[in-house]
Amino acid sequence: EFSFIARIEPGQLFFSLSAFYLIYSAAAFIVSTNKLLKLNTQVHINILIDVTAITLFTLNAGGIDSGWGTLVLAPIAGAALLLPGQTALLFASYGTVGLILQEVYGDFSGLIKDTSYTQSGLLGIALFAIAFLAISLAKRVTESTALAEKRGIDLANLSQLNDHLINRIESGIIVVDEDN
């Protein structure tokens, strides 16, 4: 055990982090409903705080083996869907480094008895995989939206053409079936 690393008591960390997270969530709700910040700024701040909080909760729960680390996947996927690709990869690297550092801190401080660096690394790879998949999905959604808008414009133009033809036609058309 290294004396230069401060020892954090698990119960105190969990209580303090939960209180902070609750207060932050209320503040974030107020900011988002009143549109006090741009959406991108809100997303950046929320992802940073979510990843940091989940990493600290993971440390508090006994490390990566507790399963808490997998919760980092959700904010990374959200970042990849809402932000440009490079930014999402930046958050994936932030999450990976955070998960590995919490294992290192837990190992050196004695807070975590059985550290699992390999599992932290594998979870980091999963963060990047999720980011890449979500970036691909976001790109397809953007392309589909652009195509739908183009089709909407084409449909409006076709409707105008039909209206123009019907207004300019000099003879009429009658359609009847077998029953007149």
N, C-alpha and C. Protein backbone atom coordinates (compact mmCIF):
# COMPACT_ATOMS: atom_id res chain seq x y z
N GLU A 1 0.86 -1.18 0.00
CA GLU A 1 0.00 0.00 0.00
C GLU A 1 0.90 1.24 0.00
N PHE A 2 0.56 2.17 -0.87
CA PHE A 2 1.36 3.38 -1.00
C PHE A 2 0.80 4.48 -0.11
N SER A 3 1.68 5.12 0.63
CA SER A 3 1.22 6.14 1.58
C SER A 3 0.83 7.45 0.90
N PHE A 4 1.30 7.67 -0.34
CA PHE A 4 0.97 8.93 -1.01
C PHE A 4 -0.41 8.91 -1.64
N ILE A 5 -1.08 7.79 -1.64
CA ILE A 5 -2.43 7.71 -2.20
C ILE A 5 -3.43 7.80 -1.06
N ALA A 6 -4.31 8.75 -1.17
CA ALA A 6 -5.32 8.96 -0.13
C ALA A 6 -6.30 7.79 -0.13
N ARG A 7 -6.66 7.35 1.02
CA ARG A 7 -7.61 6.24 1.16
C ARG A 7 -9.01 6.83 1.27
N ILE A 8 -9.88 6.35 0.42
CA ILE A 8 -11.26 6.79 0.43
C ILE A 8 -12.11 5.66 1.01
N GLU A 9 -12.91 5.99 1.97
CA GLU A 9 -13.80 5.00 2.55
C GLU A 9 -14.97 4.77 1.60
N PRO A 10 -15.30 3.51 1.28
CA PRO A 10 -16.35 3.21 0.30
C PRO A 10 -17.70 3.83 0.63
N GLY A 11 -18.15 3.75 1.85
CA GLY A 11 -19.45 4.31 2.21
C GLY A 11 -19.50 5.82 2.03
N GLN A 12 -18.41 6.49 2.42
CA GLN A 12 -18.34 7.94 2.29
C GLN A 12 -18.33 8.34 0.81
N LEU A 13 -17.59 7.63 -0.01
CA LEU A 13 -17.54 7.93 -1.44
C LEU A 13 -18.91 7.75 -2.08
N PHE A 14 -19.58 6.65 -1.74
CA PHE A 14 -20.90 6.38 -2.33
C PHE A 14 -21.90 7.46 -1.93
N PHE A 15 -21.93 7.84 -0.67
CA PHE A 15 -22.87 8.87 -0.21
C PHE A 15 -22.56 10.21 -0.86
N SER A 16 -21.30 10.62 -0.85
CA SER A 16 -20.91 11.92 -1.41
C SER A 16 -21.20 11.96 -2.91
N LEU A 17 -20.85 10.90 -3.61
CA LEU A 17 -21.06 10.86 -5.05
C LEU A 17 -22.55 10.83 -5.39
N SER A 18 -23.32 10.10 -4.62
CA SER A 18 -24.78 10.06 -4.85
C SER A 18 -25.41 11.42 -4.62
N ALA A 19 -25.00 12.11 -3.58
CA ALA A 19 -25.54 13.44 -3.30
C ALA A 19 -25.17 14.42 -4.41
N PHE A 20 -23.90 14.40 -4.83
CA PHE A 20 -23.47 15.26 -5.92
C PHE A 20 -24.24 14.96 -7.19
N TYR A 21 -24.40 13.68 -7.50
CA TYR A 21 -25.07 13.26 -8.74
C TYR A 21 -26.54 13.67 -8.72
N LEU A 22 -27.18 13.58 -7.58
CA LEU A 22 -28.57 14.01 -7.45
C LEU A 22 -28.71 15.52 -7.67
N ILE A 23 -27.84 16.28 -7.04
CA ILE A 23 -27.87 17.75 -7.20
C ILE A 23 -27.55 18.12 -8.64
N TYR A 24 -26.55 17.46 -9.22
CA TYR A 24 -26.21 17.75 -10.61
C TYR A 24 -27.37 17.41 -11.55
N SER A 25 -28.03 16.29 -11.33
CA SER A 25 -29.15 15.89 -12.18
C SER A 25 -30.27 16.92 -12.13
N ALA A 26 -30.57 17.43 -10.95
CA ALA A 26 -31.60 18.46 -10.83
C ALA A 26 -31.19 19.73 -11.58
N ALA A 27 -29.92 20.12 -11.43
CA ALA A 27 -29.43 21.31 -12.13
C ALA A 27 -29.45 21.10 -13.65
N ALA A 28 -29.05 19.91 -14.10
CA ALA A 28 -29.06 19.61 -15.53
C ALA A 28 -30.47 19.63 -16.09
N PHE A 29 -31.42 19.15 -15.30
CA PHE A 29 -32.83 19.18 -15.73
C PHE A 29 -33.30 20.63 -15.92
N ILE A 30 -32.97 21.48 -14.97
CA ILE A 30 -33.36 22.89 -15.06
C ILE A 30 -32.70 23.56 -16.26
N VAL A 31 -31.43 23.28 -16.46
CA VAL A 31 -30.71 23.87 -17.60
C VAL A 31 -31.31 23.42 -18.92
N SER A 32 -31.63 22.12 -19.02
CA SER A 32 -32.14 21.60 -20.30
C SER A 32 -33.58 22.06 -20.57
N THR A 33 -34.43 22.13 -19.56
CA THR A 33 -35.80 22.55 -19.80
C THR A 33 -35.90 24.04 -20.10
N ASN A 34 -34.99 24.84 -19.55
CA ASN A 34 -35.00 26.27 -19.81
C ASN A 34 -34.08 26.66 -20.97
N LYS A 35 -33.43 25.67 -21.57
CA LYS A 35 -32.53 25.88 -22.71
C LYS A 35 -31.50 26.96 -22.42
N LEU A 36 -30.83 26.83 -21.27
CA LEU A 36 -29.83 27.81 -20.87
C LEU A 36 -28.49 27.59 -21.57
N LEU A 37 -28.25 26.37 -22.05
CA LEU A 37 -27.02 26.05 -22.78
C LEU A 37 -27.38 25.38 -24.10
N LYS A 38 -26.46 25.45 -25.05
CA LYS A 38 -26.66 24.76 -26.33
C LYS A 38 -26.68 23.25 -26.08
N LEU A 39 -27.35 22.53 -26.96
CA LEU A 39 -27.47 21.08 -26.82
C LEU A 39 -26.11 20.40 -26.78
N ASN A 40 -25.20 20.78 -27.68
CA ASN A 40 -23.87 20.15 -27.70
C ASN A 40 -23.12 20.37 -26.40
N THR A 41 -23.22 21.56 -25.84
CA THR A 41 -22.55 21.85 -24.57
C THR A 41 -23.14 20.99 -23.45
N GLN A 42 -24.46 20.88 -23.42
CA GLN A 42 -25.11 20.04 -22.41
C GLN A 42 -24.67 18.59 -22.54
N VAL A 43 -24.62 18.09 -23.77
CA VAL A 43 -24.22 16.70 -24.00
C VAL A 43 -22.78 16.48 -23.53
N HIS A 44 -21.88 17.39 -23.88
CA HIS A 44 -20.48 17.25 -23.46
C HIS A 44 -20.36 17.19 -21.93
N ILE A 45 -21.01 18.11 -21.26
CA ILE A 45 -20.93 18.15 -19.80
C ILE A 45 -21.56 16.90 -19.20
N ASN A 46 -22.73 16.51 -19.69
CA ASN A 46 -23.42 15.34 -19.14
C ASN A 46 -22.60 14.06 -19.33
N ILE A 47 -22.00 13.88 -20.50
CA ILE A 47 -21.21 12.68 -20.76
C ILE A 47 -19.99 12.65 -19.84
N LEU A 48 -19.31 13.77 -19.70
CA LEU A 48 -18.13 13.81 -18.82
C LEU A 48 -18.51 13.46 -17.38
N ILE A 49 -19.58 14.04 -16.90
CA ILE A 49 -19.99 13.78 -15.52
C ILE A 49 -20.50 12.34 -15.36
N ASP A 50 -21.28 11.86 -16.33
CA ASP A 50 -21.78 10.48 -16.24
C ASP A 50 -20.63 9.47 -16.21
N VAL A 51 -19.68 9.62 -17.13
CA VAL A 51 -18.57 8.67 -17.18
C VAL A 51 -17.73 8.76 -15.91
N THR A 52 -17.48 9.97 -15.43
CA THR A 52 -16.70 10.13 -14.19
C THR A 52 -17.43 9.52 -13.00
N ALA A 53 -18.73 9.80 -12.89
CA ALA A 53 -19.50 9.27 -11.76
C ALA A 53 -19.57 7.74 -11.80
N ILE A 54 -19.81 7.18 -12.98
CA ILE A 54 -19.90 5.72 -13.09
C ILE A 54 -18.55 5.09 -12.76
N THR A 55 -17.47 5.72 -13.19
CA THR A 55 -16.14 5.21 -12.88
C THR A 55 -15.90 5.22 -11.36
N LEU A 56 -16.30 6.29 -10.70
CA LEU A 56 -16.13 6.36 -9.24
C LEU A 56 -17.05 5.38 -8.52
N PHE A 57 -18.27 5.21 -9.02
CA PHE A 57 -19.16 4.19 -8.44
C PHE A 57 -18.55 2.79 -8.61
N THR A 58 -17.91 2.56 -9.75
CA THR A 58 -17.25 1.27 -9.99
C THR A 58 -16.13 1.05 -8.98
N LEU A 59 -15.34 2.07 -8.74
CA LEU A 59 -14.28 1.99 -7.74
C LEU A 59 -14.87 1.69 -6.37
N ASN A 60 -15.93 2.39 -6.03
CA ASN A 60 -16.59 2.21 -4.73
C ASN A 60 -17.13 0.79 -4.57
N ALA A 61 -17.61 0.21 -5.67
CA ALA A 61 -18.23 -1.13 -5.60
C ALA A 61 -17.20 -2.25 -5.61
N GLY A 62 -15.93 -1.93 -5.73
CA GLY A 62 -14.92 -2.98 -5.67
C GLY A 62 -14.21 -3.23 -6.98
N GLY A 63 -14.36 -2.34 -7.93
CA GLY A 63 -13.62 -2.49 -9.19
C GLY A 63 -14.47 -2.98 -10.34
N ILE A 64 -13.80 -3.28 -11.39
CA ILE A 64 -14.46 -3.63 -12.65
C ILE A 64 -15.24 -4.94 -12.52
N ASP A 65 -14.82 -5.81 -11.63
CA ASP A 65 -15.52 -7.09 -11.43
C ASP A 65 -16.92 -6.92 -10.85
N SER A 66 -17.22 -5.74 -10.31
CA SER A 66 -18.55 -5.50 -9.73
C SER A 66 -19.64 -5.39 -10.79
N GLY A 67 -19.24 -5.10 -12.04
CA GLY A 67 -20.23 -4.95 -13.10
C GLY A 67 -20.66 -3.52 -13.35
N TRP A 68 -20.32 -2.62 -12.43
CA TRP A 68 -20.71 -1.22 -12.58
C TRP A 68 -20.07 -0.58 -13.81
N GLY A 69 -18.90 -1.03 -14.18
CA GLY A 69 -18.18 -0.44 -15.31
C GLY A 69 -18.94 -0.54 -16.63
N THR A 70 -19.75 -1.57 -16.77
CA THR A 70 -20.50 -1.72 -18.03
C THR A 70 -21.52 -0.60 -18.23
N LEU A 71 -21.87 0.10 -17.16
CA LEU A 71 -22.81 1.21 -17.28
C LEU A 71 -22.22 2.37 -18.09
N VAL A 72 -20.91 2.39 -18.28
CA VAL A 72 -20.28 3.44 -19.07
C VAL A 72 -20.67 3.31 -20.55
N LEU A 73 -21.10 2.13 -20.95
CA LEU A 73 -21.47 1.92 -22.35
C LEU A 73 -22.61 2.84 -22.78
N ALA A 74 -23.58 3.07 -21.92
CA ALA A 74 -24.76 3.87 -22.28
C ALA A 74 -24.41 5.32 -22.62
N PRO A 75 -23.67 6.05 -21.77
CA PRO A 75 -23.34 7.43 -22.15
C PRO A 75 -22.45 7.52 -23.39
N ILE A 76 -21.59 6.53 -23.59
CA ILE A 76 -20.72 6.55 -24.77
C ILE A 76 -21.57 6.35 -26.03
N ALA A 77 -22.54 5.45 -25.98
CA ALA A 77 -23.44 5.25 -27.12
C ALA A 77 -24.25 6.52 -27.37
N GLY A 78 -24.73 7.15 -26.32
CA GLY A 78 -25.46 8.40 -26.46
C GLY A 78 -24.61 9.49 -27.07
N ALA A 79 -23.36 9.58 -26.65
CA ALA A 79 -22.45 10.58 -27.21
C ALA A 79 -22.23 10.33 -28.70
N ALA A 80 -22.09 9.06 -29.07
CA ALA A 80 -21.86 8.74 -30.48
C ALA A 80 -23.07 9.07 -31.35
N LEU A 81 -24.26 8.98 -30.77
CA LEU A 81 -25.46 9.30 -31.54
C LEU A 81 -25.71 10.81 -31.64
N LEU A 82 -25.31 11.54 -30.63
CA LEU A 82 -25.62 12.97 -30.56
C LEU A 82 -24.49 13.89 -31.01
N LEU A 83 -23.26 13.38 -31.03
CA LEU A 83 -22.11 14.23 -31.33
C LEU A 83 -21.38 13.73 -32.57
N PRO A 84 -20.54 14.57 -33.17
CA PRO A 84 -19.74 14.10 -34.31
C PRO A 84 -18.84 12.93 -33.92
N GLY A 85 -18.47 12.12 -34.89
CA GLY A 85 -17.73 10.88 -34.66
C GLY A 85 -16.47 11.02 -33.84
N GLN A 86 -15.63 12.02 -34.14
CA GLN A 86 -14.37 12.15 -33.43
C GLN A 86 -14.59 12.47 -31.95
N THR A 87 -15.61 13.23 -31.67
CA THR A 87 -15.90 13.56 -30.27
C THR A 87 -16.33 12.32 -29.51
N ALA A 88 -17.13 11.48 -30.14
CA ALA A 88 -17.58 10.24 -29.49
C ALA A 88 -16.38 9.34 -29.20
N LEU A 89 -15.43 9.29 -30.11
CA LEU A 89 -14.23 8.48 -29.87
C LEU A 89 -13.39 9.06 -28.74
N LEU A 90 -13.39 10.37 -28.62
CA LEU A 90 -12.69 11.02 -27.50
C LEU A 90 -13.32 10.58 -26.17
N PHE A 91 -14.65 10.56 -26.12
CA PHE A 91 -15.32 10.11 -24.90
C PHE A 91 -15.08 8.62 -24.63
N ALA A 92 -14.99 7.82 -25.68
CA ALA A 92 -14.69 6.39 -25.50
C ALA A 92 -13.29 6.23 -24.90
N SER A 93 -12.35 7.05 -25.35
CA SER A 93 -11.00 6.96 -24.77
C SER A 93 -11.00 7.47 -23.33
N TYR A 94 -11.78 8.51 -23.05
CA TYR A 94 -11.90 9.02 -21.68
C TYR A 94 -12.45 7.94 -20.75
N GLY A 95 -13.49 7.24 -21.21
CA GLY A 95 -14.06 6.17 -20.41
C GLY A 95 -13.08 5.03 -20.19
N THR A 96 -12.34 4.68 -21.24
CA THR A 96 -11.36 3.60 -21.13
C THR A 96 -10.27 3.95 -20.14
N VAL A 97 -9.72 5.14 -20.27
CA VAL A 97 -8.67 5.58 -19.35
C VAL A 97 -9.20 5.64 -17.92
N GLY A 98 -10.42 6.15 -17.76
CA GLY A 98 -11.02 6.23 -16.42
C GLY A 98 -11.18 4.87 -15.78
N LEU A 99 -11.65 3.89 -16.55
CA LEU A 99 -11.85 2.54 -16.00
C LEU A 99 -10.51 1.89 -15.63
N ILE A 100 -9.50 2.10 -16.45
CA ILE A 100 -8.19 1.52 -16.13
C ILE A 100 -7.57 2.23 -14.92
N LEU A 101 -7.71 3.56 -14.88
CA LEU A 101 -7.14 4.29 -13.74
C LEU A 101 -7.83 3.96 -12.42
N GLN A 102 -9.13 3.69 -12.46
CA GLN A 102 -9.78 3.32 -11.20
C GLN A 102 -9.27 1.97 -10.71
N GLU A 103 -8.92 1.08 -11.64
CA GLU A 103 -8.32 -0.21 -11.24
C GLU A 103 -6.93 0.02 -10.65
N VAL A 104 -6.15 0.89 -11.28
CA VAL A 104 -4.81 1.19 -10.78
C VAL A 104 -4.90 1.81 -9.39
N TYR A 105 -5.78 2.80 -9.23
CA TYR A 105 -5.94 3.45 -7.93
C TYR A 105 -6.40 2.42 -6.88
N GLY A 106 -7.39 1.62 -7.25
CA GLY A 106 -7.90 0.62 -6.32
C GLY A 106 -6.84 -0.39 -5.92
N ASP A 107 -5.97 -0.74 -6.87
CA ASP A 107 -4.90 -1.69 -6.60
C ASP A 107 -3.87 -1.09 -5.65
N PHE A 108 -3.40 0.12 -5.95
CA PHE A 108 -2.36 0.74 -5.13
C PHE A 108 -2.86 1.20 -3.76
N SER A 109 -4.13 1.56 -3.67
CA SER A 109 -4.65 2.02 -2.39
C SER A 109 -5.14 0.87 -1.52
N GLY A 110 -5.27 -0.30 -2.11
CA GLY A 110 -5.78 -1.45 -1.37
C GLY A 110 -7.30 -1.48 -1.30
N LEU A 111 -7.95 -0.59 -2.00
CA LEU A 111 -9.40 -0.52 -2.00
C LEU A 111 -10.02 -1.70 -2.77
N ILE A 112 -9.32 -2.15 -3.79
CA ILE A 112 -9.79 -3.29 -4.57
C ILE A 112 -8.84 -4.45 -4.32
N LYS A 113 -9.39 -5.57 -3.88
CA LYS A 113 -8.55 -6.72 -3.53
C LYS A 113 -8.06 -7.46 -4.78
N ASP A 114 -8.97 -7.76 -5.68
CA ASP A 114 -8.62 -8.50 -6.90
C ASP A 114 -8.84 -7.61 -8.11
N THR A 115 -7.78 -6.95 -8.55
CA THR A 115 -7.90 -6.06 -9.71
C THR A 115 -7.93 -6.88 -10.99
N SER A 116 -8.53 -6.30 -11.99
CA SER A 116 -8.68 -6.98 -13.27
C SER A 116 -8.39 -6.00 -14.40
N TYR A 117 -7.11 -5.82 -14.67
CA TYR A 117 -6.71 -4.89 -15.72
C TYR A 117 -7.16 -5.37 -17.09
N THR A 118 -7.12 -6.68 -17.29
CA THR A 118 -7.53 -7.24 -18.58
C THR A 118 -8.99 -6.94 -18.85
N GLN A 119 -9.82 -7.15 -17.84
CA GLN A 119 -11.25 -6.88 -18.02
C GLN A 119 -11.49 -5.39 -18.26
N SER A 120 -10.73 -4.52 -17.63
CA SER A 120 -10.85 -3.08 -17.87
C SER A 120 -10.48 -2.75 -19.31
N GLY A 121 -9.41 -3.37 -19.80
CA GLY A 121 -9.00 -3.16 -21.18
C GLY A 121 -10.04 -3.67 -22.17
N LEU A 122 -10.61 -4.83 -21.88
CA LEU A 122 -11.65 -5.39 -22.76
C LEU A 122 -12.90 -4.51 -22.77
N LEU A 123 -13.23 -3.97 -21.60
CA LEU A 123 -14.37 -3.06 -21.55
C LEU A 123 -14.06 -1.78 -22.33
N GLY A 124 -12.81 -1.34 -22.29
CA GLY A 124 -12.40 -0.19 -23.10
C GLY A 124 -12.55 -0.47 -24.58
N ILE A 125 -12.19 -1.67 -25.01
CA ILE A 125 -12.39 -2.06 -26.41
C ILE A 125 -13.87 -2.05 -26.76
N ALA A 126 -14.69 -2.53 -25.83
CA ALA A 126 -16.15 -2.52 -26.05
C ALA A 126 -16.66 -1.08 -26.16
N LEU A 127 -16.09 -0.15 -25.39
CA LEU A 127 -16.50 1.25 -25.49
C LEU A 127 -16.22 1.79 -26.90
N PHE A 128 -15.05 1.47 -27.43
CA PHE A 128 -14.73 1.91 -28.79
C PHE A 128 -15.63 1.22 -29.83
N ALA A 129 -15.92 -0.05 -29.63
CA ALA A 129 -16.80 -0.76 -30.56
C ALA A 129 -18.20 -0.14 -30.56
N ILE A 130 -18.72 0.14 -29.37
CA ILE A 130 -20.03 0.79 -29.27
C ILE A 130 -20.01 2.16 -29.93
N ALA A 131 -18.93 2.91 -29.72
CA ALA A 131 -18.82 4.24 -30.33
C ALA A 131 -18.83 4.12 -31.85
N PHE A 132 -18.04 3.19 -32.40
CA PHE A 132 -18.00 3.02 -33.84
C PHE A 132 -19.35 2.58 -34.39
N LEU A 133 -20.02 1.65 -33.71
CA LEU A 133 -21.34 1.20 -34.17
C LEU A 133 -22.37 2.32 -34.11
N ALA A 134 -22.35 3.07 -33.04
CA ALA A 134 -23.31 4.18 -32.90
C ALA A 134 -23.02 5.28 -33.91
N ILE A 135 -21.75 5.53 -34.21
CA ILE A 135 -21.40 6.52 -35.24
C ILE A 135 -21.95 6.08 -36.58
N SER A 136 -21.79 4.79 -36.88
CA SER A 136 -22.33 4.25 -38.13
C SER A 136 -23.84 4.38 -38.18
N LEU A 137 -24.49 4.06 -37.08
CA LEU A 137 -25.96 4.18 -37.01
C LEU A 137 -26.40 5.64 -37.18
N ALA A 138 -25.71 6.56 -36.53
CA ALA A 138 -26.06 7.97 -36.64
C ALA A 138 -25.88 8.47 -38.07
N LYS A 139 -24.83 7.98 -38.74
CA LYS A 139 -24.61 8.36 -40.13
C LYS A 139 -25.75 7.87 -41.02
N ARG A 140 -26.19 6.64 -40.79
CA ARG A 140 -27.30 6.10 -41.58
C ARG A 140 -28.60 6.86 -41.30
N VAL A 141 -28.83 7.22 -40.06
CA VAL A 141 -30.02 7.98 -39.73
C VAL A 141 -29.99 9.34 -40.42
N THR A 142 -28.83 9.98 -40.44
CA THR A 142 -28.68 11.27 -41.11
C THR A 142 -28.94 11.13 -42.61
N GLU A 143 -28.38 10.08 -43.20
CA GLU A 143 -28.61 9.85 -44.63
C GLU A 143 -30.08 9.56 -44.92
N SER A 144 -30.72 8.77 -44.07
CA SER A 144 -32.14 8.45 -44.25
C SER A 144 -33.01 9.70 -44.11
N THR A 145 -32.66 10.55 -43.16
CA THR A 145 -33.40 11.80 -42.98
C THR A 145 -33.26 12.70 -44.20
N ALA A 146 -32.05 12.80 -44.72
CA ALA A 146 -31.82 13.61 -45.92
C ALA A 146 -32.61 13.05 -47.10
N LEU A 147 -32.63 11.72 -47.26
CA LEU A 147 -33.38 11.09 -48.34
C LEU A 147 -34.87 11.31 -48.17
N ALA A 148 -35.37 11.22 -46.95
CA ALA A 148 -36.80 11.45 -46.69
C ALA A 148 -37.17 12.90 -47.02
N GLU A 149 -36.31 13.86 -46.65
CA GLU A 149 -36.57 15.25 -46.99
C GLU A 149 -36.58 15.46 -48.49
N LYS A 150 -35.64 14.82 -49.21
CA LYS A 150 -35.59 14.93 -50.67
C LYS A 150 -36.85 14.34 -51.29
N ARG A 151 -37.28 13.19 -50.78
CA ARG A 151 -38.51 12.56 -51.30
C ARG A 151 -39.73 13.43 -51.01
N GLY A 152 -39.73 14.10 -49.88
CA GLY A 152 -40.83 15.01 -49.55
C GLY A 152 -40.89 16.17 -50.53
N ILE A 153 -39.72 16.71 -50.86
CA ILE A 153 -39.67 17.80 -51.84
C ILE A 153 -40.12 17.30 -53.21
N ASP A 154 -39.65 16.11 -53.60
CA ASP A 154 -40.08 15.52 -54.88
C ASP A 154 -41.58 15.32 -54.92
N LEU A 155 -42.15 14.84 -53.82
CA LEU A 155 -43.59 14.61 -53.75
C LEU A 155 -44.37 15.93 -53.85
N ALA A 156 -43.88 16.96 -53.20
CA ALA A 156 -44.53 18.28 -53.28
C ALA A 156 -44.47 18.82 -54.70
N ASN A 157 -43.32 18.64 -55.37
CA ASN A 157 -43.19 19.08 -56.76
C ASN A 157 -44.12 18.30 -57.67
N LEU A 158 -44.24 17.01 -57.47
CA LEU A 158 -45.14 16.18 -58.26
C LEU A 158 -46.59 16.59 -58.04
N SER A 159 -46.95 16.92 -56.83
CA SER A 159 -48.30 17.37 -56.53
C SER A 159 -48.59 18.69 -57.24
N GLN A 160 -47.63 19.59 -57.25
CA GLN A 160 -47.80 20.86 -57.97
C GLN A 160 -47.95 20.62 -59.46
N LEU A 161 -47.18 19.69 -60.02
CA LEU A 161 -47.28 19.36 -61.43
C LEU A 161 -48.66 18.79 -61.75
N ASN A 162 -49.14 17.89 -60.90
CA ASN A 162 -50.48 17.32 -61.10
C ASN A 162 -51.55 18.41 -61.06
N ASP A 163 -51.45 19.30 -60.09
CA ASP A 163 -52.41 20.40 -60.00
C ASP A 163 -52.35 21.27 -61.26
N HIS A 164 -51.17 21.55 -61.73
CA HIS A 164 -50.99 22.38 -62.93
C HIS A 164 -51.62 21.68 -64.15
N LEU A 165 -51.36 20.38 -64.31
CA LEU A 165 -51.92 19.64 -65.45
C LEU A 165 -53.44 19.59 -65.40
N ILE A 166 -53.99 19.35 -64.23
CA ILE A 166 -55.45 19.27 -64.10
C ILE A 166 -56.08 20.63 -64.40
N ASN A 167 -55.46 21.70 -63.95
CA ASN A 167 -55.99 23.05 -64.21
C ASN A 167 -55.89 23.43 -65.68
N ARG A 168 -54.92 22.89 -66.42
CA ARG A 168 -54.69 23.26 -67.82
C ARG A 168 -55.39 22.34 -68.83
N ILE A 169 -55.89 21.22 -68.37
CA ILE A 169 -56.49 20.27 -69.31
C ILE A 169 -57.83 20.82 -69.84
N GLU A 170 -58.04 20.66 -71.14
CA GLU A 170 -59.25 21.19 -71.76
C GLU A 170 -60.36 20.15 -71.86
N SER A 171 -60.03 18.92 -71.80
CA SER A 171 -61.08 17.89 -71.84
C SER A 171 -61.10 17.19 -70.50
N GLY A 172 -62.22 16.56 -70.19
CA GLY A 172 -62.37 15.89 -68.91
C GLY A 172 -62.13 14.40 -69.03
N ILE A 173 -61.96 13.79 -67.92
CA ILE A 173 -61.79 12.34 -67.86
C ILE A 173 -62.80 11.80 -66.88
N ILE A 174 -63.49 10.74 -67.31
CA ILE A 174 -64.46 10.08 -66.43
C ILE A 174 -64.01 8.64 -66.29
N VAL A 175 -63.98 8.15 -65.07
CA VAL A 175 -63.60 6.77 -64.80
C VAL A 175 -64.82 6.06 -64.23
N VAL A 176 -65.19 4.93 -64.84
CA VAL A 176 -66.33 4.13 -64.36
C VAL A 176 -65.91 2.68 -64.24
N ASP A 177 -66.60 1.97 -63.38
CA ASP A 177 -66.33 0.53 -63.26
C ASP A 177 -67.47 -0.25 -63.93
N GLU A 178 -67.52 -1.58 -63.70
CA GLU A 178 -68.52 -2.43 -64.33
C GLU A 178 -69.95 -2.05 -63.95
N ASP A 179 -70.13 -1.47 -62.80
CA ASP A 179 -71.46 -1.11 -62.30
C ASP A 179 -71.82 0.32 -62.66
N ASN A 180 -71.10 0.92 -63.59
CA ASN A 180 -71.30 2.31 -64.02
C ASN A 180 -71.03 3.29 -62.87
